[in-house]
């Protein structure tokens, strides 16, 4: 299958690249120094329609697929920027687009596409559940025309920069240990109306990542904000996860290309012992190995995203793409740090910042160990390890 970019896809890449030139390394270093959310960057992407690329045209969006959304995110990361501040708006679309009612789509999507509302928060992870999302304890009890939500979430990114949050909560006890995914529901929470029922605490991180603990006490959510079927929400969330895997893979590939671009340029310029350091196999071989790994991951990413856009099963492909891309990015980051030597630790080169940022993609939004466990049991037929 040919994954060469079409003229339209190339135009998307070039347009995003042009936007990112207005937000160079200095911009991102200053945001990190101050702990600021990159509002100007997010507002620009929103205004130009790049964050609504997955929303159908009838609701004011771009009407394109995960392949094109991945091209946008890859180019953002290749530029040295970080889409972590806004990418959730893309992958949370999966549950709403595939399982939301027509009324919900008419109500929310045009506002999101126009930038009047931000859907940037995805409330799944909990302190005692971790990667086992079926064990969450946050409860949503139906009382008349509302659900009353009580519980705690952790590592919920951008919740203070978002108007809406997609929330996974337990609406019924699991029938049995084997059916622990049953009884979970997806609610769209309007954070603007939550008031004191939602409290947040920002979690200090190793890079400028706006993520929070979220505490919900008697939070009232209208029943009309239930996405899909009650008690069947885990399957709805999984649909979004496959898109998420493809998009995170694209970000990792963008990071890898950032490191490859910078390493190659530096190795061609830097002279030590009377020769360009790029002539040394100890420098050039790690860069070349990382390039090969990145190209392989990119092909797997396009394969997975193409299957998602075609409505085909892509769990194995999306997870494999995320695994390979995050590994390639970390491999490229290590090669870059070695190539730059001491300069790699200097903030002005942006290598150490991106080095810290890309490490997250091995662990979140899904640990590579869980990806391997999934592939082992669901693809290779090995006994489940969890």
Protein backbone atom coordinates (compact mmCIF):
# COMPACT_ATOMS: atom_id res chain seq x y z
CA UNK A 1 0.00 0.00 0.00
CA UNK A 2 1.32 3.42 -0.98
CA UNK A 3 1.42 5.89 1.90
CA UNK A 4 2.90 8.75 -0.11
CA UNK A 5 1.28 12.04 0.83
CA UNK A 6 -1.26 13.52 -1.56
CA UNK A 7 -1.05 17.12 -2.73
CA UNK A 8 -3.71 18.06 -0.17
CA UNK A 9 -1.81 16.32 2.63
CA UNK A 10 1.43 17.98 1.61
CA UNK A 11 -0.36 21.34 1.66
CA UNK A 12 -1.56 20.59 5.22
CA UNK A 13 2.00 19.78 6.30
CA UNK A 14 3.42 22.93 4.74
CA UNK A 15 0.69 25.14 6.22
CA UNK A 16 1.22 23.81 9.74
CA UNK A 17 4.97 24.17 9.32
CA UNK A 18 4.45 27.82 8.40
CA UNK A 19 2.32 28.42 11.50
CA UNK A 20 4.90 26.83 13.78
CA UNK A 21 7.64 29.15 12.53
CA UNK A 22 5.91 31.90 14.50
CA UNK A 23 6.42 29.88 17.70
CA UNK A 24 10.15 29.07 17.83
CA UNK A 25 12.13 27.52 20.65
CA UNK A 26 12.29 30.81 22.54
CA UNK A 27 8.50 30.83 22.85
CA UNK A 28 8.40 27.34 24.35
CA UNK A 29 11.34 27.97 26.69
CA UNK A 30 9.63 31.08 28.02
CA UNK A 31 6.38 29.20 28.58
CA UNK A 32 8.25 26.53 30.53
CA UNK A 33 10.18 29.07 32.59
CA UNK A 34 6.94 30.74 33.63
CA UNK A 35 4.84 27.58 33.79
CA UNK A 36 2.42 29.16 31.33
CA UNK A 37 -0.13 27.45 29.13
CA UNK A 38 0.72 28.24 25.46
CA UNK A 39 -2.52 30.12 24.86
CA UNK A 40 -1.32 32.07 21.83
CA UNK A 41 -0.24 28.86 20.08
CA UNK A 42 -3.49 27.04 20.87
CA UNK A 43 -5.60 30.04 19.89
CA UNK A 44 -3.81 30.26 16.54
CA UNK A 45 -4.31 26.57 15.76
CA UNK A 46 -7.96 26.89 16.76
CA UNK A 47 -8.55 29.98 14.63
CA UNK A 48 -7.01 28.31 11.58
CA UNK A 49 -9.15 25.20 12.05
CA UNK A 50 -6.39 22.67 12.67
CA UNK A 51 -7.83 21.44 15.96
CA UNK A 52 -11.25 20.80 14.40
CA UNK A 53 -9.89 18.80 11.49
CA UNK A 54 -11.75 15.63 12.57
CA UNK A 55 -15.12 17.35 13.01
CA UNK A 56 -17.41 16.84 9.97
CA UNK A 57 -17.89 19.80 7.67
CA UNK A 58 -21.61 19.96 8.45
CA UNK A 59 -20.65 20.99 11.99
CA UNK A 60 -18.04 23.51 10.90
CA UNK A 61 -14.98 21.25 11.02
CA UNK A 62 -12.44 20.13 8.47
CA UNK A 63 -14.13 16.81 7.73
CA UNK A 64 -10.84 14.99 7.37
CA UNK A 65 -9.45 11.82 8.94
CA UNK A 66 -6.97 10.60 11.50
CA UNK A 67 -4.33 10.37 8.75
CA UNK A 68 -4.54 14.14 8.18
CA UNK A 69 -4.83 14.89 11.90
CA UNK A 70 -1.64 12.88 12.40
CA UNK A 71 0.14 14.94 9.76
CA UNK A 72 -0.81 18.10 11.68
CA UNK A 73 0.49 16.75 14.99
CA UNK A 74 3.66 15.33 13.47
CA UNK A 75 4.55 18.68 11.95
CA UNK A 76 3.88 20.52 15.21
CA UNK A 77 6.30 18.25 17.03
CA UNK A 78 8.85 18.26 14.24
CA UNK A 79 9.00 22.05 14.55
CA UNK A 80 10.05 21.78 18.19
CA UNK A 81 6.60 22.65 19.56
CA UNK A 82 4.41 20.40 21.71
CA UNK A 83 0.80 19.57 20.87
CA UNK A 84 0.21 18.23 24.36
CA UNK A 85 -1.51 21.51 25.15
CA UNK A 86 -4.32 20.86 22.69
CA UNK A 87 -4.25 17.40 21.09
CA UNK A 88 -7.04 15.95 23.26
CA UNK A 89 -9.60 17.87 21.24
CA UNK A 90 -8.74 15.57 18.35
CA UNK A 91 -8.80 12.18 20.03
CA UNK A 92 -11.79 12.83 22.30
CA UNK A 93 -13.78 13.33 19.12
CA UNK A 94 -13.91 9.55 18.58
CA UNK A 95 -16.45 8.83 21.33
CA UNK A 96 -18.61 11.86 20.54
CA UNK A 97 -18.57 11.41 16.76
CA UNK A 98 -19.22 7.67 16.80
CA UNK A 99 -21.55 7.35 19.77
CA UNK A 100 -23.02 10.80 20.41
CA UNK A 101 -26.62 11.49 19.45
CA UNK A 102 -27.51 13.83 16.60
CA UNK A 103 -28.71 16.37 19.16
CA UNK A 104 -25.42 16.19 21.06
CA UNK A 105 -23.43 16.68 17.89
CA UNK A 106 -25.53 19.68 16.86
CA UNK A 107 -25.20 21.12 20.34
CA UNK A 108 -21.47 20.74 20.91
CA UNK A 109 -19.56 20.26 17.68
CA UNK A 110 -20.16 23.65 15.98
CA UNK A 111 -19.15 25.44 19.18
CA UNK A 112 -15.97 23.35 19.48
CA UNK A 113 -15.12 23.77 15.79
CA UNK A 114 -15.55 27.55 16.04
CA UNK A 115 -13.29 27.69 19.09
CA UNK A 116 -16.01 29.01 21.36
CA UNK A 117 -15.74 25.86 23.48
CA UNK A 118 -12.70 23.78 24.34
CA UNK A 119 -12.97 20.02 24.77
CA UNK A 120 -9.46 19.32 26.02
CA UNK A 121 -9.93 17.23 29.19
CA UNK A 122 -10.29 13.45 29.25
CA UNK A 123 -11.21 12.16 32.72
CA UNK A 124 -10.30 8.48 32.97
CA UNK A 125 -7.23 7.77 35.13
CA UNK A 126 -7.59 7.37 38.92
CA UNK A 127 -5.01 7.03 41.72
CA UNK A 128 -5.92 3.44 42.63
CA UNK A 129 -6.71 2.19 39.14
CA UNK A 130 -3.77 3.40 37.04
CA UNK A 131 -3.75 1.66 33.68
CA UNK A 132 -6.61 -0.67 34.70
CA UNK A 133 -9.42 1.66 33.74
CA UNK A 134 -12.10 -0.93 34.51
CA UNK A 135 -11.29 -0.57 38.21
CA UNK A 136 -12.16 3.10 38.52
CA UNK A 137 -14.18 4.10 41.59
CA UNK A 138 -15.72 7.38 40.50
CA UNK A 139 -19.48 6.85 40.70
CA UNK A 140 -22.26 8.48 38.72
CA UNK A 141 -25.61 7.80 40.34
CA UNK A 142 -28.70 8.61 38.33
CA UNK A 143 -31.23 10.74 40.16
CA UNK A 144 -34.10 11.82 37.95
CA UNK A 145 -32.80 13.88 35.06
CA UNK A 146 -29.25 14.13 36.44
CA UNK A 147 -26.29 11.97 37.34
CA UNK A 148 -24.61 12.84 40.62
CA UNK A 149 -20.88 12.21 40.33
CA UNK A 150 -18.49 11.64 43.22
CA UNK A 151 -14.87 10.60 42.90
CA UNK A 152 -11.31 11.53 42.09
CA UNK A 153 -9.25 11.54 38.91
CA UNK A 154 -5.52 12.05 38.47
CA UNK A 155 -3.25 13.15 35.61
CA UNK A 156 -6.17 14.83 33.88
CA UNK A 157 -4.51 17.25 31.51
CA UNK A 158 -5.77 20.70 30.56
CA UNK A 159 -8.82 20.55 32.83
CA UNK A 160 -8.30 24.19 33.88
CA UNK A 161 -7.91 25.22 30.24
CA UNK A 162 -11.02 23.34 29.07
CA UNK A 163 -14.74 24.09 29.02
CA UNK A 164 -15.78 20.46 28.65
CA UNK A 165 -14.47 17.17 30.01
CA UNK A 166 -15.19 13.70 28.71
CA UNK A 167 -15.60 11.62 31.88
CA UNK A 168 -15.62 7.87 32.44
CA UNK A 169 -17.52 6.88 35.58
CA UNK A 170 -19.12 3.77 37.03
CA UNK A 171 -22.90 3.80 36.78
CA UNK A 172 -23.45 0.20 37.89
CA UNK A 173 -21.45 -2.52 39.69
CA UNK A 174 -19.60 -4.95 37.46
CA UNK A 175 -21.65 -8.16 37.05
CA UNK A 176 -18.52 -10.28 37.62
CA UNK A 177 -14.73 -10.11 37.56
CA UNK A 178 -14.81 -11.30 33.95
CA UNK A 179 -17.23 -8.51 32.98
CA UNK A 180 -15.54 -5.68 34.83
CA UNK A 181 -15.81 -3.35 31.82
CA UNK A 182 -19.61 -3.44 32.09
CA UNK A 183 -21.25 -0.73 34.17
CA UNK A 184 -19.05 2.15 32.98
CA UNK A 185 -20.54 5.18 31.23
CA UNK A 186 -19.24 8.23 29.39
CA UNK A 187 -20.51 11.66 30.40
CA UNK A 188 -19.74 15.03 28.84
CA UNK A 189 -19.19 17.39 31.77
CA UNK A 190 -19.70 21.12 31.32
CA UNK A 191 -16.96 22.45 33.58
CA UNK A 192 -18.32 25.99 33.30
CA UNK A 193 -21.43 24.95 35.23
CA UNK A 194 -19.65 22.75 37.76
CA UNK A 195 -18.84 25.45 40.28
CA UNK A 196 -17.44 24.18 43.57
CA UNK A 197 -18.40 20.61 42.74
CA UNK A 198 -15.11 20.27 40.86
CA UNK A 199 -11.78 21.11 42.48
CA UNK A 200 -8.37 20.79 40.85
CA UNK A 201 -4.74 20.70 41.93
CA UNK A 202 -1.93 21.06 39.41
CA UNK A 203 0.70 18.32 39.55
CA UNK A 204 4.32 19.50 39.10
CA UNK A 205 5.92 17.57 36.24
CA UNK A 206 9.38 17.22 34.67
CA UNK A 207 8.30 19.49 31.81
CA UNK A 208 5.68 22.19 31.26
CA UNK A 209 2.70 19.86 31.30
CA UNK A 210 -0.64 21.18 32.58
CA UNK A 211 -2.05 18.13 34.33
CA UNK A 212 -4.15 17.95 37.46
CA UNK A 213 -5.80 15.98 40.20
CA UNK A 214 -9.56 16.43 39.94
CA UNK A 215 -11.96 16.03 42.86
CA UNK A 216 -15.71 15.77 42.16
CA UNK A 217 -18.20 16.14 44.99
CA UNK A 218 -21.92 15.86 44.20
CA UNK A 219 -21.29 17.04 40.65
CA UNK A 220 -24.60 17.20 38.75
CA UNK A 221 -24.45 16.17 35.10
CA UNK A 222 -27.64 16.19 33.00
CA UNK A 223 -28.72 12.77 31.70
CA UNK A 224 -28.81 14.32 28.23
CA UNK A 225 -24.98 14.52 28.45
CA UNK A 226 -24.63 10.72 28.49
CA UNK A 227 -22.60 9.69 25.42
CA UNK A 228 -23.85 6.45 23.89
CA UNK A 229 -25.39 3.74 26.05
CA UNK A 230 -25.40 3.71 29.81
CA UNK A 231 -23.11 1.01 31.26
CA UNK A 232 -21.54 0.43 27.81
CA UNK A 233 -19.16 3.37 27.91
CA UNK A 234 -15.93 1.42 28.07
CA UNK A 235 -16.42 0.26 24.48
CA UNK A 236 -17.13 3.86 23.43
CA UNK A 237 -13.90 5.02 25.05
CA UNK A 238 -11.90 2.30 23.29
CA UNK A 239 -12.97 3.74 19.93
CA UNK A 240 -11.34 7.00 20.95
CA UNK A 241 -8.27 5.18 22.23
CA UNK A 242 -7.45 3.71 18.82
CA UNK A 243 -7.49 7.19 17.31
CA UNK A 244 -5.44 8.41 20.26
CA UNK A 245 -2.78 5.73 19.66
CA UNK A 246 -2.45 6.81 16.02
CA UNK A 247 -2.21 10.49 16.93
CA UNK A 248 0.28 9.97 19.76
CA UNK A 249 2.37 7.87 17.36
CA UNK A 250 2.35 10.84 14.97
CA UNK A 251 3.59 13.15 17.72
CA UNK A 252 6.39 10.73 18.59
CA UNK A 253 7.37 10.53 14.93
CA UNK A 254 7.43 14.32 14.81
CA UNK A 255 9.68 14.39 17.87
CA UNK A 256 11.96 11.81 16.28
CA UNK A 257 12.23 13.87 13.10
CA UNK A 258 13.00 16.97 15.20
CA UNK A 259 15.94 15.13 16.79
CA UNK A 260 17.09 13.71 13.44
CA UNK A 261 16.94 17.13 11.77
CA UNK A 262 18.84 18.84 14.57
CA UNK A 263 21.40 16.03 14.97
CA UNK A 264 22.20 15.85 11.28
CA UNK A 265 22.60 19.60 10.98
CA UNK A 266 24.80 19.83 14.09
CA UNK A 267 26.94 16.85 13.05
CA UNK A 268 27.55 18.52 9.69
CA UNK A 269 28.66 21.76 11.34
CA UNK A 270 30.50 20.79 14.51
CA UNK A 271 34.25 20.21 14.15
CA UNK A 272 36.36 18.35 16.71
CA UNK A 273 39.93 17.11 16.15
CA UNK A 274 39.99 18.78 12.73
CA UNK A 275 36.96 17.04 11.21
CA UNK A 276 33.18 17.20 11.18
CA UNK A 277 31.84 14.96 13.93
CA UNK A 278 29.29 13.58 11.44
CA UNK A 279 32.15 11.74 9.73
CA UNK A 280 32.58 9.58 12.83
CA UNK A 281 30.65 6.34 12.72
CA UNK A 282 30.08 6.57 16.46
CA UNK A 283 28.00 9.68 15.73
CA UNK A 284 26.43 8.87 12.38
CA UNK A 285 25.39 5.26 13.05
CA UNK A 286 23.04 6.04 16.00
CA UNK A 287 21.42 8.79 13.93
CA UNK A 288 21.00 6.44 10.96
CA UNK A 289 19.56 3.69 13.20
CA UNK A 290 17.06 6.14 14.65
CA UNK A 291 16.12 7.27 11.13
CA UNK A 292 15.39 3.69 10.07
CA UNK A 293 13.29 3.08 13.18
CA UNK A 294 11.36 6.31 12.58
CA UNK A 295 10.57 5.45 8.95
CA UNK A 296 9.27 2.01 9.95
CA UNK A 297 7.12 3.52 12.70
CA UNK A 298 5.75 6.12 10.30
CA UNK A 299 4.57 3.46 7.86
CA UNK A 300 2.86 1.54 10.68
CA UNK A 301 1.21 4.77 11.84
CA UNK A 302 -0.24 5.45 8.38
CA UNK A 303 -1.39 1.85 8.11
CA UNK A 304 -3.24 2.05 11.44
CA UNK A 305 -4.72 5.49 10.76
CA UNK A 306 -5.90 4.43 7.31
CA UNK A 307 -7.72 1.46 8.82
CA UNK A 308 -9.32 3.69 11.45
CA UNK A 309 -10.52 6.15 8.82
CA UNK A 310 -11.95 3.28 6.78
CA UNK A 311 -13.90 2.05 9.80
CA UNK A 312 -11.87 -1.15 10.01
CA UNK A 313 -10.57 -2.89 13.13
CA UNK A 314 -7.21 -1.37 14.03
CA UNK A 315 -6.49 -2.14 17.68
CA UNK A 316 -3.38 -4.18 16.95
CA UNK A 317 -2.13 -1.75 14.32
CA UNK A 318 -2.74 1.39 16.40
CA UNK A 319 -1.03 -0.07 19.46
CA UNK A 320 1.92 -1.31 17.39
CA UNK A 321 2.29 2.13 15.81
CA UNK A 322 2.32 3.82 19.22
CA UNK A 323 4.91 1.33 20.53
CA UNK A 324 7.29 1.65 17.57
CA UNK A 325 6.95 5.43 17.28
CA UNK A 326 7.62 6.13 20.96
CA UNK A 327 10.62 3.81 20.91
CA UNK A 328 11.97 5.47 17.75
CA UNK A 329 11.56 8.90 19.31
CA UNK A 330 13.45 7.97 22.46
CA UNK A 331 16.14 6.34 20.30
CA UNK A 332 16.44 9.54 18.27
CA UNK A 333 16.53 11.66 21.44
CA UNK A 334 19.42 9.61 22.81
CA UNK A 335 21.28 9.96 19.52
CA UNK A 336 20.72 13.72 19.62
CA UNK A 337 21.99 14.06 23.18
CA UNK A 338 25.11 12.10 22.26
CA UNK A 339 25.64 14.14 19.10
CA UNK A 340 25.29 17.49 20.88
CA UNK A 341 27.35 16.37 23.85
CA UNK A 342 27.43 19.04 26.53
CA UNK A 343 25.44 21.41 24.35
CA UNK A 344 22.56 18.94 24.48
CA UNK A 345 22.06 19.89 28.12
CA UNK A 346 21.94 23.61 27.35
CA UNK A 347 18.39 24.98 27.19
CA UNK A 348 19.08 27.18 24.16
CA UNK A 349 19.41 24.17 21.85
CA UNK A 350 15.98 22.76 22.85
CA UNK A 351 17.33 19.20 22.83
CA UNK A 352 17.03 18.69 26.58
CA UNK A 353 13.47 20.09 26.58
CA UNK A 354 12.28 17.81 23.82
CA UNK A 355 14.22 14.94 25.43
CA UNK A 356 12.12 15.36 28.57
CA UNK A 357 8.88 15.80 26.64
CA UNK A 358 9.22 12.78 24.37
CA UNK A 359 9.99 10.34 27.21
CA UNK A 360 6.36 10.69 28.32
CA UNK A 361 5.16 9.02 25.12
CA UNK A 362 6.64 5.68 26.17
CA UNK A 363 4.47 5.77 29.28
CA UNK A 364 1.35 7.78 28.43
CA UNK A 365 -1.37 7.72 27.36
CA UNK A 366 -0.71 3.99 27.55
CA UNK A 367 2.39 2.27 28.87
CA UNK A 368 4.38 0.35 26.29
CA UNK A 369 4.31 -2.61 28.67
CA UNK A 370 0.51 -2.68 28.38
CA UNK A 371 0.83 -2.45 24.60
CA UNK A 372 3.10 -5.48 24.61
CA UNK A 373 0.70 -7.35 26.89
CA UNK A 374 -2.17 -6.52 24.53
CA UNK A 375 -0.28 -7.72 21.48
CA UNK A 376 0.83 -10.89 23.26
CA UNK A 377 -2.66 -11.93 24.34
CA UNK A 378 -4.96 -10.46 21.67
CA UNK A 379 -2.78 -10.96 18.60
CA UNK A 380 -0.42 -13.81 19.41
CA UNK A 381 -2.87 -15.80 21.52
CA UNK A 382 -0.64 -16.01 24.60
CA UNK A 383 -2.16 -16.26 28.11
CA UNK A 384 -3.26 -12.94 29.59
CA UNK A 385 -0.75 -11.46 31.99
CA UNK A 386 -3.18 -9.06 33.62
